[in-house]
Each structure stands twice: as C-alpha cells, then as structure tokens.
PDB file of all heavy atoms in Angstrom:
ATOM      1  N   PHE A   1      -3.354   5.479  -1.981  1.00  0.00           N
ATOM      2  CA  PHE A   1      -2.908   4.092  -2.128  1.00  0.00           C
ATOM      3  C   PHE A   1      -4.049   3.119  -1.843  1.00  0.00           C
ATOM      4  O   PHE A   1      -4.289   2.179  -2.611  1.00  0.00           O
ATOM      5  CB  PHE A   1      -1.734   3.797  -1.191  1.00  0.00           C
ATOM      6  CG  PHE A   1      -1.545   2.323  -0.948  1.00  0.00           C
ATOM      7  CD1 PHE A   1      -1.070   1.501  -1.956  1.00  0.00           C
ATOM      8  CD2 PHE A   1      -1.889   1.757   0.275  1.00  0.00           C
ATOM      9  CE1 PHE A   1      -0.934   0.127  -1.753  1.00  0.00           C
ATOM     10  CE2 PHE A   1      -1.746   0.395   0.493  1.00  0.00           C
ATOM     11  CZ  PHE A   1      -1.271  -0.422  -0.527  1.00  0.00           C
ATOM     12  N   LEU A   2      -4.756   3.320  -0.746  1.00  0.00           N
ATOM     13  CA  LEU A   2      -5.817   2.394  -0.362  1.00  0.00           C
ATOM     14  C   LEU A   2      -6.932   2.344  -1.413  1.00  0.00           C
ATOM     15  O   LEU A   2      -7.466   1.266  -1.707  1.00  0.00           O
ATOM     16  CB  LEU A   2      -6.391   2.788   0.997  1.00  0.00           C
ATOM     17  CG  LEU A   2      -5.463   2.532   2.193  1.00  0.00           C
ATOM     18  CD1 LEU A   2      -6.028   3.178   3.448  1.00  0.00           C
ATOM     19  CD2 LEU A   2      -5.239   1.042   2.404  1.00  0.00           C
ATOM     20  N   LYS A   3      -7.258   3.491  -1.984  1.00  0.00           N
ATOM     21  CA  LYS A   3      -8.285   3.528  -3.034  1.00  0.00           C
ATOM     22  C   LYS A   3      -7.826   2.740  -4.255  1.00  0.00           C
ATOM     23  O   LYS A   3      -8.578   1.933  -4.820  1.00  0.00           O
ATOM     24  CB  LYS A   3      -8.583   4.977  -3.412  1.00  0.00           C
ATOM     25  CG  LYS A   3      -9.613   5.149  -4.523  1.00  0.00           C
ATOM     26  CD  LYS A   3      -9.901   6.628  -4.749  1.00  0.00           C
ATOM     27  CE  LYS A   3     -10.905   6.844  -5.891  1.00  0.00           C
ATOM     28  NZ  LYS A   3     -10.290   6.520  -7.202  1.00  0.00           N
ATOM     29  N   LYS A   4      -6.578   2.949  -4.672  1.00  0.00           N
ATOM     30  CA  LYS A   4      -6.070   2.241  -5.844  1.00  0.00           C
ATOM     31  C   LYS A   4      -5.907   0.749  -5.556  1.00  0.00           C
ATOM     32  O   LYS A   4      -6.186  -0.092  -6.425  1.00  0.00           O
ATOM     33  CB  LYS A   4      -4.739   2.857  -6.284  1.00  0.00           C
ATOM     34  CG  LYS A   4      -4.897   4.255  -6.877  1.00  0.00           C
ATOM     35  CD  LYS A   4      -3.565   4.842  -7.285  1.00  0.00           C
ATOM     36  CE  LYS A   4      -3.758   6.187  -7.991  1.00  0.00           C
ATOM     37  NZ  LYS A   4      -2.468   6.794  -8.378  1.00  0.00           N
ATOM     38  N   TYR A   5      -5.463   0.429  -4.360  1.00  0.00           N
ATOM     39  CA  TYR A   5      -5.309  -0.974  -3.968  1.00  0.00           C
ATOM     40  C   TYR A   5      -6.646  -1.705  -4.076  1.00  0.00           C
ATOM     41  O   TYR A   5      -6.711  -2.831  -4.581  1.00  0.00           O
ATOM     42  CB  TYR A   5      -4.779  -1.039  -2.532  1.00  0.00           C
ATOM     43  CG  TYR A   5      -4.462  -2.433  -2.038  1.00  0.00           C
ATOM     44  CD1 TYR A   5      -3.229  -3.016  -2.309  1.00  0.00           C
ATOM     45  CD2 TYR A   5      -5.387  -3.146  -1.288  1.00  0.00           C
ATOM     46  CE1 TYR A   5      -2.934  -4.297  -1.847  1.00  0.00           C
ATOM     47  CE2 TYR A   5      -5.106  -4.421  -0.831  1.00  0.00           C
ATOM     48  CZ  TYR A   5      -3.877  -4.985  -1.109  1.00  0.00           C
ATOM     49  OH  TYR A   5      -3.592  -6.249  -0.653  1.00  0.00           O
ATOM     50  N   GLU A   6      -7.703  -1.052  -3.652  1.00  0.00           N
ATOM     51  CA  GLU A   6      -9.035  -1.652  -3.729  1.00  0.00           C
ATOM     52  C   GLU A   6      -9.507  -1.758  -5.173  1.00  0.00           C
ATOM     53  O   GLU A   6     -10.047  -2.797  -5.592  1.00  0.00           O
ATOM     54  CB  GLU A   6     -10.020  -0.820  -2.910  1.00  0.00           C
ATOM     55  CG  GLU A   6     -11.445  -1.354  -2.919  1.00  0.00           C
ATOM     56  CD  GLU A   6     -12.396  -0.507  -2.093  1.00  0.00           C
ATOM     57  OE1 GLU A   6     -11.934   0.425  -1.400  1.00  0.00           O
ATOM     58  OE2 GLU A   6     -13.622  -0.790  -2.153  1.00  0.00           O
ATOM     59  N   ASN A   7      -9.297  -0.701  -5.947  1.00  0.00           N
ATOM     60  CA  ASN A   7      -9.802  -0.683  -7.323  1.00  0.00           C
ATOM     61  C   ASN A   7      -9.007  -1.579  -8.269  1.00  0.00           C
ATOM     62  O   ASN A   7      -9.484  -1.905  -9.367  1.00  0.00           O
ATOM     63  CB  ASN A   7      -9.810   0.748  -7.855  1.00  0.00           C
ATOM     64  CG  ASN A   7     -10.862   1.609  -7.188  1.00  0.00           C
ATOM     65  OD1 ASN A   7     -11.805   1.101  -6.581  1.00  0.00           O
ATOM     66  ND2 ASN A   7     -10.702   2.925  -7.270  1.00  0.00           N
ATOM     67  N   LEU A   8      -7.799  -1.954  -7.860  1.00  0.00           N
ATOM     68  CA  LEU A   8      -6.970  -2.844  -8.680  1.00  0.00           C
ATOM     69  C   LEU A   8      -6.867  -4.238  -8.052  1.00  0.00           C
ATOM     70  O   LEU A   8      -5.929  -4.986  -8.315  1.00  0.00           O
ATOM     71  CB  LEU A   8      -5.563  -2.248  -8.851  1.00  0.00           C
ATOM     72  CG  LEU A   8      -5.501  -0.918  -9.610  1.00  0.00           C
ATOM     73  CD1 LEU A   8      -4.090  -0.340  -9.558  1.00  0.00           C
ATOM     74  CD2 LEU A   8      -5.941  -1.089 -11.061  1.00  0.00           C
ATOM     75  N   ALA A   9      -7.874  -4.580  -7.260  1.00  0.00           N
ATOM     76  CA  ALA A   9      -7.837  -5.841  -6.518  1.00  0.00           C
ATOM     77  C   ALA A   9      -7.668  -7.057  -7.418  1.00  0.00           C
ATOM     78  O   ALA A   9      -7.020  -8.042  -7.030  1.00  0.00           O
ATOM     79  CB  ALA A   9      -9.103  -5.986  -5.677  1.00  0.00           C
ATOM     80  N   ASP A  10      -8.179  -6.989  -8.641  1.00  0.00           N
ATOM     81  CA  ASP A  10      -8.113  -8.151  -9.535  1.00  0.00           C
ATOM     82  C   ASP A  10      -6.703  -8.431 -10.041  1.00  0.00           C
ATOM     83  O   ASP A  10      -6.419  -9.539 -10.515  1.00  0.00           O
ATOM     84  CB  ASP A  10      -9.060  -7.961 -10.718  1.00  0.00           C
ATOM     85  CG  ASP A  10      -8.787  -6.679 -11.488  1.00  0.00           C
ATOM     86  OD1 ASP A  10      -8.715  -5.607 -10.858  1.00  0.00           O
ATOM     87  OD2 ASP A  10      -8.634  -6.743 -12.731  1.00  0.00           O
ATOM     88  N   ILE A  11      -5.803  -7.436  -9.950  1.00  0.00           N
ATOM     89  CA  ILE A  11      -4.423  -7.672 -10.398  1.00  0.00           C
ATOM     90  C   ILE A  11      -3.403  -7.467  -9.272  1.00  0.00           C
ATOM     91  O   ILE A  11      -2.196  -7.456  -9.521  1.00  0.00           O
ATOM     92  CB  ILE A  11      -4.051  -6.771 -11.604  1.00  0.00           C
ATOM     93  CG1 ILE A  11      -4.244  -5.285 -11.268  1.00  0.00           C
ATOM     94  CG2 ILE A  11      -4.859  -7.157 -12.833  1.00  0.00           C
ATOM     95  CD1 ILE A  11      -3.697  -4.349 -12.344  1.00  0.00           C
ATOM     96  N   ASN A  12      -3.889  -7.333  -8.044  1.00  0.00           N
ATOM     97  CA  ASN A  12      -2.972  -7.080  -6.936  1.00  0.00           C
ATOM     98  C   ASN A  12      -1.923  -8.168  -6.763  1.00  0.00           C
ATOM     99  O   ASN A  12      -0.798  -7.898  -6.336  1.00  0.00           O
ATOM    100  CB  ASN A  12      -3.743  -6.908  -5.616  1.00  0.00           C
ATOM    101  CG  ASN A  12      -3.996  -5.443  -5.298  1.00  0.00           C
ATOM    102  OD1 ASN A  12      -3.288  -4.567  -5.794  1.00  0.00           O
ATOM    103  ND2 ASN A  12      -5.007  -5.180  -4.486  1.00  0.00           N
ATOM    104  N   ASP A  13      -2.284  -9.400  -7.084  1.00  0.00           N
ATOM    105  CA  ASP A  13      -1.326 -10.498  -6.946  1.00  0.00           C
ATOM    106  C   ASP A  13      -0.162 -10.363  -7.921  1.00  0.00           C
ATOM    107  O   ASP A  13       0.876 -11.012  -7.734  1.00  0.00           O
ATOM    108  CB  ASP A  13      -2.022 -11.847  -7.160  1.00  0.00           C
ATOM    109  CG  ASP A  13      -2.946 -12.211  -6.009  1.00  0.00           C
ATOM    110  OD1 ASP A  13      -2.836 -11.577  -4.940  1.00  0.00           O
ATOM    111  OD2 ASP A  13      -3.771 -13.139  -6.183  1.00  0.00           O
ATOM    112  N   GLU A  14      -0.334  -9.530  -8.949  1.00  0.00           N
ATOM    113  CA  GLU A  14       0.714  -9.346  -9.950  1.00  0.00           C
ATOM    114  C   GLU A  14       1.455  -8.023  -9.768  1.00  0.00           C
ATOM    115  O   GLU A  14       2.298  -7.665 -10.587  1.00  0.00           O
ATOM    116  CB  GLU A  14       0.093  -9.401 -11.352  1.00  0.00           C
ATOM    117  CG  GLU A  14      -0.638 -10.697 -11.634  1.00  0.00           C
ATOM    118  CD  GLU A  14      -1.456 -10.627 -12.912  1.00  0.00           C
ATOM    119  OE1 GLU A  14      -1.155  -9.774 -13.769  1.00  0.00           O
ATOM    120  OE2 GLU A  14      -2.401 -11.420 -13.039  1.00  0.00           O
ATOM    121  N   ILE A  15       1.128  -7.295  -8.695  1.00  0.00           N
ATOM    122  CA  ILE A  15       1.708  -5.976  -8.447  1.00  0.00           C
ATOM    123  C   ILE A  15       2.572  -6.012  -7.193  1.00  0.00           C
ATOM    124  O   ILE A  15       2.224  -6.669  -6.219  1.00  0.00           O
ATOM    125  CB  ILE A  15       0.598  -4.917  -8.272  1.00  0.00           C
ATOM    126  CG1 ILE A  15      -0.157  -4.696  -9.589  1.00  0.00           C
ATOM    127  CG2 ILE A  15       1.171  -3.587  -7.772  1.00  0.00           C
ATOM    128  CD1 ILE A  15      -1.365  -3.801  -9.454  1.00  0.00           C
ATOM    129  N   GLN A  16       3.667  -5.284  -7.216  1.00  0.00           N
ATOM    130  CA  GLN A  16       4.466  -5.002  -6.029  1.00  0.00           C
ATOM    131  C   GLN A  16       4.216  -3.541  -5.669  1.00  0.00           C
ATOM    132  O   GLN A  16       4.517  -2.640  -6.451  1.00  0.00           O
ATOM    133  CB  GLN A  16       5.951  -5.238  -6.298  1.00  0.00           C
ATOM    134  CG  GLN A  16       6.308  -6.695  -6.588  1.00  0.00           C
ATOM    135  CD  GLN A  16       6.261  -7.548  -5.343  1.00  0.00           C
ATOM    136  OE1 GLN A  16       7.064  -7.379  -4.424  1.00  0.00           O
ATOM    137  NE2 GLN A  16       5.322  -8.481  -5.301  1.00  0.00           N
ATOM    138  N   TRP A  17       3.662  -3.322  -4.485  1.00  0.00           N
ATOM    139  CA  TRP A  17       3.319  -1.974  -4.050  1.00  0.00           C
ATOM    140  C   TRP A  17       4.434  -1.380  -3.203  1.00  0.00           C
ATOM    141  O   TRP A  17       4.863  -1.989  -2.221  1.00  0.00           O
ATOM    142  CB  TRP A  17       2.022  -1.991  -3.238  1.00  0.00           C
ATOM    143  CG  TRP A  17       0.788  -2.234  -4.043  1.00  0.00           C
ATOM    144  CD1 TRP A  17       0.089  -3.407  -4.160  1.00  0.00           C
ATOM    145  CD2 TRP A  17       0.080  -1.278  -4.838  1.00  0.00           C
ATOM    146  NE1 TRP A  17      -1.003  -3.241  -4.987  1.00  0.00           N
ATOM    147  CE2 TRP A  17      -1.036  -1.941  -5.406  1.00  0.00           C
ATOM    148  CE3 TRP A  17       0.274   0.076  -5.123  1.00  0.00           C
ATOM    149  CZ2 TRP A  17      -1.947  -1.292  -6.245  1.00  0.00           C
ATOM    150  CZ3 TRP A  17      -0.637   0.715  -5.954  1.00  0.00           C
ATOM    151  CH2 TRP A  17      -1.728   0.039  -6.504  1.00  0.00           C
ATOM    152  N   HIS A  18       4.862  -0.175  -3.581  1.00  0.00           N
ATOM    153  CA  HIS A  18       5.914   0.547  -2.868  1.00  0.00           C
ATOM    154  C   HIS A  18       5.307   1.811  -2.273  1.00  0.00           C
ATOM    155  O   HIS A  18       4.697   2.612  -2.998  1.00  0.00           O
ATOM    156  CB  HIS A  18       7.046   0.946  -3.817  1.00  0.00           C
ATOM    157  CG  HIS A  18       7.729  -0.210  -4.471  1.00  0.00           C
ATOM    158  ND1 HIS A  18       9.027  -0.564  -4.177  1.00  0.00           N
ATOM    159  CD2 HIS A  18       7.306  -1.088  -5.424  1.00  0.00           C
ATOM    160  CE1 HIS A  18       9.372  -1.611  -4.916  1.00  0.00           C
ATOM    161  NE2 HIS A  18       8.336  -1.943  -5.677  1.00  0.00           N
ATOM    162  N   PHE A  19       5.489   2.010  -0.966  1.00  0.00           N
ATOM    163  CA  PHE A  19       5.094   3.283  -0.372  1.00  0.00           C
ATOM    164  C   PHE A  19       6.348   4.139  -0.276  1.00  0.00           C
ATOM    165  O   PHE A  19       7.328   3.764   0.369  1.00  0.00           O
ATOM    166  CB  PHE A  19       4.449   3.116   1.007  1.00  0.00           C
ATOM    167  CG  PHE A  19       3.764   4.376   1.463  1.00  0.00           C
ATOM    168  CD1 PHE A  19       2.483   4.677   1.028  1.00  0.00           C
ATOM    169  CD2 PHE A  19       4.419   5.287   2.275  1.00  0.00           C
ATOM    170  CE1 PHE A  19       1.857   5.858   1.398  1.00  0.00           C
ATOM    171  CE2 PHE A  19       3.801   6.471   2.660  1.00  0.00           C
ATOM    172  CZ  PHE A  19       2.515   6.755   2.224  1.00  0.00           C
ATOM    173  N   ILE A  20       6.325   5.306  -0.933  1.00  0.00           N
ATOM    174  CA  ILE A  20       7.546   6.095  -1.097  1.00  0.00           C
ATOM    175  C   ILE A  20       7.497   7.445  -0.394  1.00  0.00           C
ATOM    176  O   ILE A  20       8.483   8.188  -0.426  1.00  0.00           O
ATOM    177  CB  ILE A  20       7.852   6.312  -2.595  1.00  0.00           C
ATOM    178  CG1 ILE A  20       6.710   7.077  -3.270  1.00  0.00           C
ATOM    179  CG2 ILE A  20       8.086   4.971  -3.300  1.00  0.00           C
ATOM    180  CD1 ILE A  20       6.995   7.493  -4.699  1.00  0.00           C
ATOM    181  N   GLY A  21       6.362   7.765   0.241  1.00  0.00           N
ATOM    182  CA  GLY A  21       6.235   9.078   0.872  1.00  0.00           C
ATOM    183  C   GLY A  21       6.437   9.020   2.370  1.00  0.00           C
ATOM    184  O   GLY A  21       6.605   7.953   2.963  1.00  0.00           O
ATOM    185  N   ASN A  22       6.416  10.195   2.979  1.00  0.00           N
ATOM    186  CA  ASN A  22       6.467  10.266   4.429  1.00  0.00           C
ATOM    187  C   ASN A  22       5.241   9.569   5.011  1.00  0.00           C
ATOM    188  O   ASN A  22       4.111   9.811   4.580  1.00  0.00           O
ATOM    189  CB  ASN A  22       6.509  11.731   4.878  1.00  0.00           C
ATOM    190  CG  ASN A  22       6.466  11.873   6.381  1.00  0.00           C
ATOM    191  OD1 ASN A  22       5.412  12.059   6.964  1.00  0.00           O
ATOM    192  ND2 ASN A  22       7.632  11.784   7.009  1.00  0.00           N
ATOM    193  N   LEU A  23       5.467   8.701   5.980  1.00  0.00           N
ATOM    194  CA  LEU A  23       4.374   7.946   6.577  1.00  0.00           C
ATOM    195  C   LEU A  23       4.204   8.366   8.034  1.00  0.00           C
ATOM    196  O   LEU A  23       5.105   8.176   8.853  1.00  0.00           O
ATOM    197  CB  LEU A  23       4.656   6.442   6.498  1.00  0.00           C
ATOM    198  CG  LEU A  23       3.571   5.508   7.046  1.00  0.00           C
ATOM    199  CD1 LEU A  23       2.251   5.716   6.316  1.00  0.00           C
ATOM    200  CD2 LEU A  23       4.023   4.050   6.923  1.00  0.00           C
ATOM    201  N   GLN A  24       3.065   8.955   8.327  1.00  0.00           N
ATOM    202  CA  GLN A  24       2.781   9.348   9.700  1.00  0.00           C
ATOM    203  C   GLN A  24       2.521   8.105  10.550  1.00  0.00           C
ATOM    204  O   GLN A  24       1.949   7.124  10.081  1.00  0.00           O
ATOM    205  CB  GLN A  24       1.575  10.274   9.748  1.00  0.00           C
ATOM    206  CG  GLN A  24       1.786  11.599   9.026  1.00  0.00           C
ATOM    207  CD  GLN A  24       0.565  12.512   9.115  1.00  0.00           C
ATOM    208  OE1 GLN A  24      -0.235  12.399  10.028  1.00  0.00           O
ATOM    209  NE2 GLN A  24       0.437  13.396   8.144  1.00  0.00           N
ATOM    210  N   THR A  25       2.932   8.173  11.800  1.00  0.00           N
ATOM    211  CA  THR A  25       2.806   7.024  12.686  1.00  0.00           C
ATOM    212  C   THR A  25       1.364   6.542  12.769  1.00  0.00           C
ATOM    213  O   THR A  25       1.094   5.332  12.748  1.00  0.00           O
ATOM    214  CB  THR A  25       3.337   7.386  14.086  1.00  0.00           C
ATOM    215  OG1 THR A  25       4.685   7.872  13.963  1.00  0.00           O
ATOM    216  CG2 THR A  25       3.330   6.179  15.001  1.00  0.00           C
ATOM    217  N   ARG A  26       0.424   7.472  12.835  1.00  0.00           N
ATOM    218  CA  ARG A  26      -0.977   7.092  12.984  1.00  0.00           C
ATOM    219  C   ARG A  26      -1.551   6.428  11.736  1.00  0.00           C
ATOM    220  O   ARG A  26      -2.634   5.815  11.788  1.00  0.00           O
ATOM    221  CB  ARG A  26      -1.821   8.318  13.346  1.00  0.00           C
ATOM    222  CG  ARG A  26      -1.831   9.403  12.284  1.00  0.00           C
ATOM    223  CD  ARG A  26      -2.649  10.616  12.715  1.00  0.00           C
ATOM    224  NE  ARG A  26      -2.578  11.712  11.762  1.00  0.00           N
ATOM    225  CZ  ARG A  26      -3.309  11.796  10.674  1.00  0.00           C
ATOM    226  NH1 ARG A  26      -4.176  10.837  10.386  1.00  0.00           N
ATOM    227  NH2 ARG A  26      -3.193  12.831   9.868  1.00  0.00           N
ATOM    228  N   GLN A  27      -0.848   6.512  10.614  1.00  0.00           N
ATOM    229  CA  GLN A  27      -1.333   5.916   9.375  1.00  0.00           C
ATOM    230  C   GLN A  27      -0.777   4.521   9.118  1.00  0.00           C
ATOM    231  O   GLN A  27      -1.214   3.839   8.191  1.00  0.00           O
ATOM    232  CB  GLN A  27      -0.973   6.822   8.196  1.00  0.00           C
ATOM    233  CG  GLN A  27      -1.650   8.184   8.239  1.00  0.00           C
ATOM    234  CD  GLN A  27      -1.113   9.134   7.182  1.00  0.00           C
ATOM    235  OE1 GLN A  27       0.068   9.099   6.846  1.00  0.00           O
ATOM    236  NE2 GLN A  27      -1.984   9.979   6.644  1.00  0.00           N
ATOM    237  N   VAL A  28       0.174   4.104   9.947  1.00  0.00           N
ATOM    238  CA  VAL A  28       0.853   2.827   9.712  1.00  0.00           C
ATOM    239  C   VAL A  28      -0.140   1.671   9.651  1.00  0.00           C
ATOM    240  O   VAL A  28      -0.099   0.834   8.740  1.00  0.00           O
ATOM    241  CB  VAL A  28       1.912   2.572  10.804  1.00  0.00           C
ATOM    242  CG1 VAL A  28       2.425   1.125  10.738  1.00  0.00           C
ATOM    243  CG2 VAL A  28       3.074   3.537  10.654  1.00  0.00           C
ATOM    244  N   LYS A  29      -1.039   1.606  10.608  1.00  0.00           N
ATOM    245  CA  LYS A  29      -1.952   0.459  10.688  1.00  0.00           C
ATOM    246  C   LYS A  29      -2.854   0.355   9.463  1.00  0.00           C
ATOM    247  O   LYS A  29      -3.354  -0.737   9.145  1.00  0.00           O
ATOM    248  CB  LYS A  29      -2.785   0.546  11.963  1.00  0.00           C
ATOM    249  CG  LYS A  29      -3.719   1.747  12.040  1.00  0.00           C
ATOM    250  CD  LYS A  29      -4.469   1.773  13.369  1.00  0.00           C
ATOM    251  CE  LYS A  29      -5.391   2.987  13.478  1.00  0.00           C
ATOM    252  NZ  LYS A  29      -6.103   3.025  14.781  1.00  0.00           N
ATOM    253  N   LYS A  30      -3.076   1.471   8.752  1.00  0.00           N
ATOM    254  CA  LYS A  30      -3.967   1.460   7.603  1.00  0.00           C
ATOM    255  C   LYS A  30      -3.364   0.744   6.397  1.00  0.00           C
ATOM    256  O   LYS A  30      -4.091   0.146   5.604  1.00  0.00           O
ATOM    257  CB  LYS A  30      -4.338   2.892   7.205  1.00  0.00           C
ATOM    258  CG  LYS A  30      -5.097   3.669   8.257  1.00  0.00           C
ATOM    259  CD  LYS A  30      -5.396   5.075   7.749  1.00  0.00           C
ATOM    260  CE  LYS A  30      -6.153   5.901   8.776  1.00  0.00           C
ATOM    261  NZ  LYS A  30      -6.443   7.277   8.294  1.00  0.00           N
ATOM    262  N   ILE A  31      -2.041   0.834   6.234  1.00  0.00           N
ATOM    263  CA  ILE A  31      -1.444   0.361   4.977  1.00  0.00           C
ATOM    264  C   ILE A  31      -0.358  -0.696   5.130  1.00  0.00           C
ATOM    265  O   ILE A  31      -0.032  -1.372   4.156  1.00  0.00           O
ATOM    266  CB  ILE A  31      -0.849   1.538   4.175  1.00  0.00           C
ATOM    267  CG1 ILE A  31       0.424   2.072   4.841  1.00  0.00           C
ATOM    268  CG2 ILE A  31      -1.872   2.649   3.972  1.00  0.00           C
ATOM    269  CD1 ILE A  31       1.257   2.959   3.937  1.00  0.00           C
ATOM    270  N   ILE A  32       0.200  -0.847   6.312  1.00  0.00           N
ATOM    271  CA  ILE A  32       1.469  -1.570   6.424  1.00  0.00           C
ATOM    272  C   ILE A  32       1.365  -3.026   5.978  1.00  0.00           C
ATOM    273  O   ILE A  32       2.338  -3.594   5.471  1.00  0.00           O
ATOM    274  CB  ILE A  32       2.033  -1.472   7.863  1.00  0.00           C
ATOM    275  CG1 ILE A  32       3.536  -1.788   7.869  1.00  0.00           C
ATOM    276  CG2 ILE A  32       1.265  -2.384   8.825  1.00  0.00           C
ATOM    277  CD1 ILE A  32       4.377  -0.827   7.077  1.00  0.00           C
ATOM    278  N   ASN A  33       0.203  -3.629   6.118  1.00  0.00           N
ATOM    279  CA  ASN A  33       0.074  -5.034   5.733  1.00  0.00           C
ATOM    280  C   ASN A  33      -0.394  -5.230   4.294  1.00  0.00           C
ATOM    281  O   ASN A  33      -0.622  -6.372   3.866  1.00  0.00           O
ATOM    282  CB  ASN A  33      -0.857  -5.755   6.718  1.00  0.00           C
ATOM    283  CG  ASN A  33      -0.220  -5.877   8.089  1.00  0.00           C
ATOM    284  OD1 ASN A  33       0.850  -6.443   8.239  1.00  0.00           O
ATOM    285  ND2 ASN A  33      -0.876  -5.302   9.095  1.00  0.00           N
ATOM    286  N   ASP A  34      -0.519  -4.140   3.556  1.00  0.00           N
ATOM    287  CA  ASP A  34      -0.885  -4.228   2.143  1.00  0.00           C
ATOM    288  C   ASP A  34       0.240  -3.811   1.207  1.00  0.00           C
ATOM    289  O   ASP A  34       0.105  -3.972  -0.015  1.00  0.00           O
ATOM    290  CB  ASP A  34      -2.119  -3.356   1.862  1.00  0.00           C
ATOM    291  CG  ASP A  34      -3.369  -3.891   2.531  1.00  0.00           C
ATOM    292  OD1 ASP A  34      -3.500  -5.128   2.656  1.00  0.00           O
ATOM    293  OD2 ASP A  34      -4.213  -3.077   2.957  1.00  0.00           O
ATOM    294  N   ILE A  35       1.316  -3.256   1.736  1.00  0.00           N
ATOM    295  CA  ILE A  35       2.430  -2.841   0.870  1.00  0.00           C
ATOM    296  C   ILE A  35       3.517  -3.911   0.872  1.00  0.00           C
ATOM    297  O   ILE A  35       3.620  -4.730   1.783  1.00  0.00           O
ATOM    298  CB  ILE A  35       3.015  -1.491   1.310  1.00  0.00           C
ATOM    299  CG1 ILE A  35       3.610  -1.562   2.723  1.00  0.00           C
ATOM    300  CG2 ILE A  35       1.958  -0.398   1.200  1.00  0.00           C
ATOM    301  CD1 ILE A  35       4.336  -0.294   3.148  1.00  0.00           C
ATOM    302  N   ASP A  36       4.337  -3.875  -0.176  1.00  0.00           N
ATOM    303  CA  ASP A  36       5.455  -4.814  -0.288  1.00  0.00           C
ATOM    304  C   ASP A  36       6.780  -4.175   0.107  1.00  0.00           C
ATOM    305  O   ASP A  36       7.692  -4.879   0.565  1.00  0.00           O
ATOM    306  CB  ASP A  36       5.547  -5.333  -1.724  1.00  0.00           C
ATOM    307  CG  ASP A  36       4.293  -6.082  -2.137  1.00  0.00           C
ATOM    308  OD1 ASP A  36       4.095  -7.215  -1.638  1.00  0.00           O
ATOM    309  OD2 ASP A  36       3.493  -5.543  -2.929  1.00  0.00           O
ATOM    310  N   TYR A  37       6.890  -2.856  -0.068  1.00  0.00           N
ATOM    311  CA  TYR A  37       8.119  -2.138   0.261  1.00  0.00           C
ATOM    312  C   TYR A  37       7.779  -0.780   0.867  1.00  0.00           C
ATOM    313  O   TYR A  37       6.860  -0.101   0.401  1.00  0.00           O
ATOM    314  CB  TYR A  37       8.978  -1.878  -0.990  1.00  0.00           C
ATOM    315  CG  TYR A  37       9.511  -3.100  -1.683  1.00  0.00           C
ATOM    316  CD1 TYR A  37       8.754  -3.749  -2.666  1.00  0.00           C
ATOM    317  CD2 TYR A  37      10.784  -3.603  -1.384  1.00  0.00           C
ATOM    318  CE1 TYR A  37       9.244  -4.872  -3.318  1.00  0.00           C
ATOM    319  CE2 TYR A  37      11.281  -4.719  -2.038  1.00  0.00           C
ATOM    320  CZ  TYR A  37      10.508  -5.351  -2.998  1.00  0.00           C
ATOM    321  OH  TYR A  37      10.989  -6.454  -3.651  1.00  0.00           O
ATOM    322  N   LEU A  38       8.558  -0.391   1.867  1.00  0.00           N
ATOM    323  CA  LEU A  38       8.501   0.967   2.411  1.00  0.00           C
ATOM    324  C   LEU A  38       9.850   1.623   2.160  1.00  0.00           C
ATOM    325  O   LEU A  38      10.881   1.128   2.626  1.00  0.00           O
ATOM    326  CB  LEU A  38       8.201   0.936   3.915  1.00  0.00           C
ATOM    327  CG  LEU A  38       8.250   2.296   4.623  1.00  0.00           C
ATOM    328  CD1 LEU A  38       7.085   3.175   4.174  1.00  0.00           C
ATOM    329  CD2 LEU A  38       8.235   2.122   6.133  1.00  0.00           C
ATOM    330  N   HIS A  39       9.842   2.732   1.414  1.00  0.00           N
ATOM    331  CA  HIS A  39      11.100   3.393   1.057  1.00  0.00           C
ATOM    332  C   HIS A  39      11.454   4.541   2.004  1.00  0.00           C
ATOM    333  O   HIS A  39      12.448   5.232   1.760  1.00  0.00           O
ATOM    334  CB  HIS A  39      11.014   3.954  -0.364  1.00  0.00           C
ATOM    335  CG  HIS A  39      11.046   2.912  -1.433  1.00  0.00           C
ATOM    336  ND1 HIS A  39      12.090   2.774  -2.329  1.00  0.00           N
ATOM    337  CD2 HIS A  39      10.145   1.943  -1.766  1.00  0.00           C
ATOM    338  CE1 HIS A  39      11.835   1.778  -3.164  1.00  0.00           C
ATOM    339  NE2 HIS A  39      10.658   1.259  -2.837  1.00  0.00           N
TER     340      HIS A  39
END
C-alpha cells in the first residue's frame, strides 16, 4: 500500500484508499493516517 500510495501521489486526492487485510498492531502507525477506510 505505501509503495502504491507514493507512486500514485499525483492522483491521491481523487482516490479513496481502503485497507482490507489483517492489520498488525505494530503496522498501524505506518498507514493509518493515509487510508480512508479500514475494513
């Protein structure tokens, strides 16, 4: 996700990002403020 988020930075304002997988507690700080939905 982080790699794609960076590489699609020019259209991020037009994208809604959904994290749909199991999220380990230690990984929360890496992505939580860049996603729009956690499923």
